């Protein structure tokens, strides 16, 4: 089974790049199958990690950043992969 962990934080205004740099520098005690970094307006950063594990397995997660870097506590979600759909021509599917 593949489990995806989502970690989302909102930086103090104007510090989104600092938060992204901080998130990229975090080392985990185990390496996920994949790790992806995304950003959005309002200085938000999202990190997705994919793991070959059971849904309720103990998995390493990114910590909370320093309180001076973020405006609120980190939001975390866990999802189970239910498959992929290949991209097709526009309008199909």
N, C-alpha and C. Protein backbone atom coordinates (compact mmCIF):
# COMPACT_ATOMS: atom_id res chain seq x y z
N UNK A 1 0.85 -1.17 0.00
CA UNK A 1 0.00 0.00 0.00
C UNK A 1 0.89 1.24 0.00
N UNK A 2 0.41 2.28 -0.64
CA UNK A 2 1.13 3.54 -0.63
C UNK A 2 0.36 4.56 0.19
N UNK A 3 1.05 5.20 1.11
CA UNK A 3 0.47 6.22 1.97
C UNK A 3 1.15 7.55 1.65
N UNK A 4 0.35 8.60 1.55
CA UNK A 4 0.88 9.94 1.31
C UNK A 4 0.66 10.79 2.55
N UNK A 5 1.71 11.44 3.00
CA UNK A 5 1.60 12.39 4.10
C UNK A 5 1.69 13.79 3.53
N UNK A 6 0.79 14.65 3.98
CA UNK A 6 0.78 16.05 3.55
C UNK A 6 1.11 16.91 4.76
N UNK A 7 2.00 17.85 4.54
CA UNK A 7 2.44 18.80 5.57
C UNK A 7 2.28 20.18 4.97
N UNK A 8 1.49 21.05 5.60
CA UNK A 8 1.25 22.38 5.03
C UNK A 8 1.42 23.43 6.11
N UNK A 9 2.18 24.48 5.77
CA UNK A 9 2.42 25.57 6.71
C UNK A 9 2.30 26.90 5.99
N UNK A 10 1.97 27.92 6.75
CA UNK A 10 1.85 29.28 6.21
C UNK A 10 2.90 30.15 6.89
N UNK A 11 3.77 30.70 6.07
CA UNK A 11 4.86 31.52 6.59
C UNK A 11 4.37 32.90 7.00
N UNK A 12 5.13 33.53 7.83
CA UNK A 12 4.93 34.94 8.14
C UNK A 12 5.01 35.69 6.79
N UNK A 13 4.16 36.69 6.56
CA UNK A 13 4.17 37.38 5.27
C UNK A 13 5.58 37.77 4.82
N UNK A 14 5.88 37.43 3.57
CA UNK A 14 7.18 37.75 2.99
C UNK A 14 8.26 36.72 3.27
N UNK A 15 7.95 35.66 4.03
CA UNK A 15 8.96 34.67 4.40
C UNK A 15 8.70 33.31 3.78
N UNK A 16 7.89 33.27 2.73
CA UNK A 16 7.57 32.01 2.07
C UNK A 16 8.80 31.29 1.55
N UNK A 17 9.73 32.04 0.95
CA UNK A 17 10.96 31.43 0.42
C UNK A 17 11.80 30.86 1.55
N UNK A 18 11.84 31.55 2.69
CA UNK A 18 12.57 31.03 3.86
C UNK A 18 11.95 29.73 4.35
N UNK A 19 10.62 29.67 4.39
CA UNK A 19 9.94 28.45 4.83
C UNK A 19 10.20 27.31 3.85
N UNK A 20 10.17 27.59 2.56
CA UNK A 20 10.45 26.56 1.56
C UNK A 20 11.88 26.04 1.72
N UNK A 21 12.83 26.93 1.91
CA UNK A 21 14.22 26.54 2.12
C UNK A 21 14.35 25.68 3.38
N UNK A 22 13.67 26.09 4.46
CA UNK A 22 13.69 25.32 5.71
C UNK A 22 13.14 23.92 5.47
N UNK A 23 11.99 23.81 4.80
CA UNK A 23 11.36 22.51 4.57
C UNK A 23 12.26 21.60 3.73
N UNK A 24 12.89 22.15 2.71
CA UNK A 24 13.79 21.35 1.86
C UNK A 24 15.00 20.84 2.63
N UNK A 25 15.42 21.55 3.65
CA UNK A 25 16.62 21.18 4.41
C UNK A 25 16.34 20.11 5.46
N UNK A 26 15.08 19.81 5.73
CA UNK A 26 14.75 18.85 6.79
C UNK A 26 15.10 17.43 6.36
N UNK A 27 15.83 16.74 7.21
CA UNK A 27 16.19 15.35 6.98
C UNK A 27 15.23 14.46 7.76
N UNK A 28 14.82 13.38 7.15
CA UNK A 28 13.96 12.41 7.82
C UNK A 28 14.80 11.18 8.16
N UNK A 29 14.47 10.45 9.23
CA UNK A 29 15.25 9.27 9.59
C UNK A 29 15.13 8.12 8.60
N UNK A 30 14.13 8.17 7.73
CA UNK A 30 13.97 7.19 6.65
C UNK A 30 13.62 7.96 5.39
N UNK A 31 13.95 7.39 4.24
CA UNK A 31 13.73 8.07 2.97
C UNK A 31 12.39 7.63 2.37
N UNK A 32 11.50 8.58 2.04
CA UNK A 32 10.23 8.21 1.42
C UNK A 32 10.45 7.75 -0.03
N UNK A 33 9.42 7.15 -0.61
CA UNK A 33 9.48 6.78 -2.03
C UNK A 33 9.64 8.03 -2.88
N UNK A 34 9.00 9.10 -2.44
CA UNK A 34 9.01 10.36 -3.20
C UNK A 34 8.71 11.50 -2.24
N UNK A 35 9.29 12.66 -2.51
CA UNK A 35 9.01 13.87 -1.73
C UNK A 35 8.85 15.02 -2.72
N UNK A 36 7.79 15.79 -2.55
CA UNK A 36 7.52 16.90 -3.47
C UNK A 36 7.21 18.15 -2.66
N UNK A 37 7.69 19.28 -3.16
CA UNK A 37 7.50 20.57 -2.50
C UNK A 37 6.65 21.46 -3.41
N UNK A 38 5.65 22.12 -2.82
CA UNK A 38 4.79 23.02 -3.58
C UNK A 38 4.63 24.31 -2.80
N UNK A 39 4.28 25.39 -3.50
CA UNK A 39 3.99 26.65 -2.82
C UNK A 39 2.72 27.24 -3.40
N UNK A 40 2.11 28.15 -2.63
CA UNK A 40 0.86 28.77 -3.03
C UNK A 40 0.85 30.20 -2.51
N UNK A 41 -0.11 30.99 -2.99
CA UNK A 41 -0.22 32.36 -2.48
C UNK A 41 -0.31 32.38 -0.96
N UNK A 42 -0.08 33.54 -0.41
CA UNK A 42 -0.08 33.78 1.04
C UNK A 42 1.06 33.06 1.73
N UNK A 43 2.18 32.86 1.00
CA UNK A 43 3.40 32.28 1.57
C UNK A 43 3.16 30.90 2.19
N UNK A 44 2.34 30.07 1.52
CA UNK A 44 2.08 28.71 1.99
C UNK A 44 3.02 27.72 1.31
N UNK A 45 3.44 26.72 2.06
CA UNK A 45 4.31 25.66 1.57
C UNK A 45 3.66 24.33 1.88
N UNK A 46 3.67 23.43 0.90
CA UNK A 46 3.11 22.09 1.05
C UNK A 46 4.20 21.09 0.73
N UNK A 47 4.35 20.08 1.58
CA UNK A 47 5.30 19.00 1.33
C UNK A 47 4.50 17.70 1.33
N UNK A 48 4.66 16.93 0.25
CA UNK A 48 4.02 15.62 0.12
C UNK A 48 5.11 14.56 0.16
N UNK A 49 4.91 13.54 0.98
CA UNK A 49 5.82 12.40 0.98
C UNK A 49 4.99 11.14 0.77
N UNK A 50 5.53 10.23 -0.05
CA UNK A 50 4.87 8.96 -0.33
C UNK A 50 5.70 7.85 0.30
N UNK A 51 4.99 6.88 0.93
CA UNK A 51 5.64 5.80 1.66
C UNK A 51 5.01 4.46 1.27
N UNK A 52 5.82 3.43 1.20
CA UNK A 52 5.34 2.07 1.04
C UNK A 52 5.09 1.55 2.45
N UNK A 53 3.85 1.70 2.93
CA UNK A 53 3.54 1.37 4.32
C UNK A 53 2.03 1.20 4.48
N UNK A 54 1.65 0.61 5.59
CA UNK A 54 0.23 0.51 5.94
C UNK A 54 -0.26 1.90 6.37
N UNK A 55 -1.55 2.12 6.24
CA UNK A 55 -2.12 3.44 6.53
C UNK A 55 -1.77 3.94 7.93
N UNK A 56 -1.83 3.05 8.91
CA UNK A 56 -1.61 3.49 10.29
C UNK A 56 -0.17 3.29 10.78
N UNK A 57 0.75 3.03 9.85
CA UNK A 57 2.16 2.84 10.23
C UNK A 57 2.74 4.12 10.81
N UNK A 58 3.69 3.95 11.72
CA UNK A 58 4.43 5.11 12.23
C UNK A 58 5.41 5.55 11.17
N UNK A 59 5.27 6.78 10.70
CA UNK A 59 6.13 7.29 9.64
C UNK A 59 6.74 8.61 10.08
N UNK A 60 7.96 8.89 9.66
CA UNK A 60 8.59 10.16 10.03
C UNK A 60 7.90 11.32 9.31
N UNK A 61 7.69 12.39 10.04
CA UNK A 61 7.06 13.58 9.49
C UNK A 61 7.95 14.79 9.72
N UNK A 62 7.78 15.80 8.90
CA UNK A 62 8.51 17.04 9.10
C UNK A 62 8.05 17.67 10.42
N UNK A 63 8.97 18.29 11.13
CA UNK A 63 8.61 18.91 12.41
C UNK A 63 7.90 20.25 12.20
N UNK A 64 7.54 20.85 13.30
CA UNK A 64 7.01 22.22 13.29
C UNK A 64 8.19 23.17 13.08
N UNK A 65 8.06 24.14 12.19
CA UNK A 65 9.12 25.14 12.06
C UNK A 65 9.13 26.08 13.27
N UNK A 66 10.18 26.85 13.38
CA UNK A 66 10.29 27.86 14.42
C UNK A 66 9.08 28.78 14.35
N UNK A 67 8.51 29.10 15.50
CA UNK A 67 7.33 29.95 15.57
C UNK A 67 7.48 31.31 14.92
N UNK A 68 8.71 31.79 14.78
CA UNK A 68 8.93 33.10 14.14
C UNK A 68 8.84 33.00 12.63
N UNK A 69 8.78 31.78 12.07
CA UNK A 69 8.74 31.58 10.63
C UNK A 69 7.31 31.37 10.13
N UNK A 70 6.42 30.89 10.99
CA UNK A 70 5.06 30.55 10.56
C UNK A 70 4.01 31.35 11.34
N UNK A 71 2.82 31.45 10.73
CA UNK A 71 1.74 32.22 11.36
C UNK A 71 0.80 31.36 12.17
N UNK A 72 0.89 30.03 12.02
CA UNK A 72 0.00 29.12 12.73
C UNK A 72 0.65 27.75 12.78
N UNK A 73 0.04 26.83 13.52
CA UNK A 73 0.55 25.46 13.59
C UNK A 73 0.44 24.80 12.21
N UNK A 74 1.33 23.86 11.96
CA UNK A 74 1.34 23.10 10.72
C UNK A 74 0.06 22.26 10.62
N UNK A 75 -0.48 22.15 9.41
CA UNK A 75 -1.60 21.24 9.16
C UNK A 75 -1.03 19.96 8.57
N UNK A 76 -1.55 18.82 9.01
CA UNK A 76 -1.06 17.51 8.55
C UNK A 76 -2.25 16.63 8.17
N UNK A 77 -2.08 15.90 7.06
CA UNK A 77 -3.09 14.95 6.63
C UNK A 77 -2.40 13.67 6.16
N UNK A 78 -3.13 12.57 6.21
CA UNK A 78 -2.62 11.27 5.75
C UNK A 78 -3.67 10.69 4.79
N UNK A 79 -3.19 10.19 3.66
CA UNK A 79 -4.08 9.61 2.66
C UNK A 79 -3.54 8.27 2.18
N UNK A 80 -4.43 7.40 1.79
CA UNK A 80 -4.07 6.12 1.17
C UNK A 80 -4.27 6.26 -0.34
N UNK A 81 -3.28 5.86 -1.11
CA UNK A 81 -3.38 5.91 -2.56
C UNK A 81 -4.39 4.87 -3.04
N UNK A 82 -5.26 5.27 -3.95
CA UNK A 82 -6.22 4.35 -4.54
C UNK A 82 -5.99 4.21 -6.04
N UNK A 83 -4.81 4.62 -6.51
CA UNK A 83 -4.43 4.42 -7.90
C UNK A 83 -4.24 5.73 -8.65
N UNK A 84 -3.70 5.58 -9.85
CA UNK A 84 -3.45 6.72 -10.73
C UNK A 84 -4.25 6.54 -12.00
N UNK A 85 -4.53 7.65 -12.65
CA UNK A 85 -5.17 7.61 -13.94
C UNK A 85 -4.25 8.33 -14.92
N UNK A 86 -3.83 7.64 -15.97
CA UNK A 86 -2.95 8.28 -16.94
C UNK A 86 -3.65 9.46 -17.60
N UNK A 87 -2.87 10.47 -17.93
CA UNK A 87 -3.43 11.62 -18.64
C UNK A 87 -3.82 11.21 -20.04
N UNK A 88 -4.96 11.67 -20.47
CA UNK A 88 -5.43 11.35 -21.82
C UNK A 88 -5.69 12.63 -22.58
N UNK A 89 -6.15 12.50 -23.80
CA UNK A 89 -6.48 13.68 -24.59
C UNK A 89 -7.54 14.52 -23.89
N UNK A 90 -7.50 15.82 -24.11
CA UNK A 90 -8.48 16.73 -23.52
C UNK A 90 -9.88 16.29 -23.90
N UNK A 91 -10.77 16.31 -22.93
CA UNK A 91 -12.16 15.97 -23.19
C UNK A 91 -12.47 14.49 -23.07
N UNK A 92 -11.46 13.64 -22.89
CA UNK A 92 -11.74 12.20 -22.73
C UNK A 92 -11.86 11.86 -21.26
N UNK A 93 -12.52 10.77 -20.99
CA UNK A 93 -12.55 10.27 -19.63
C UNK A 93 -13.74 10.60 -18.93
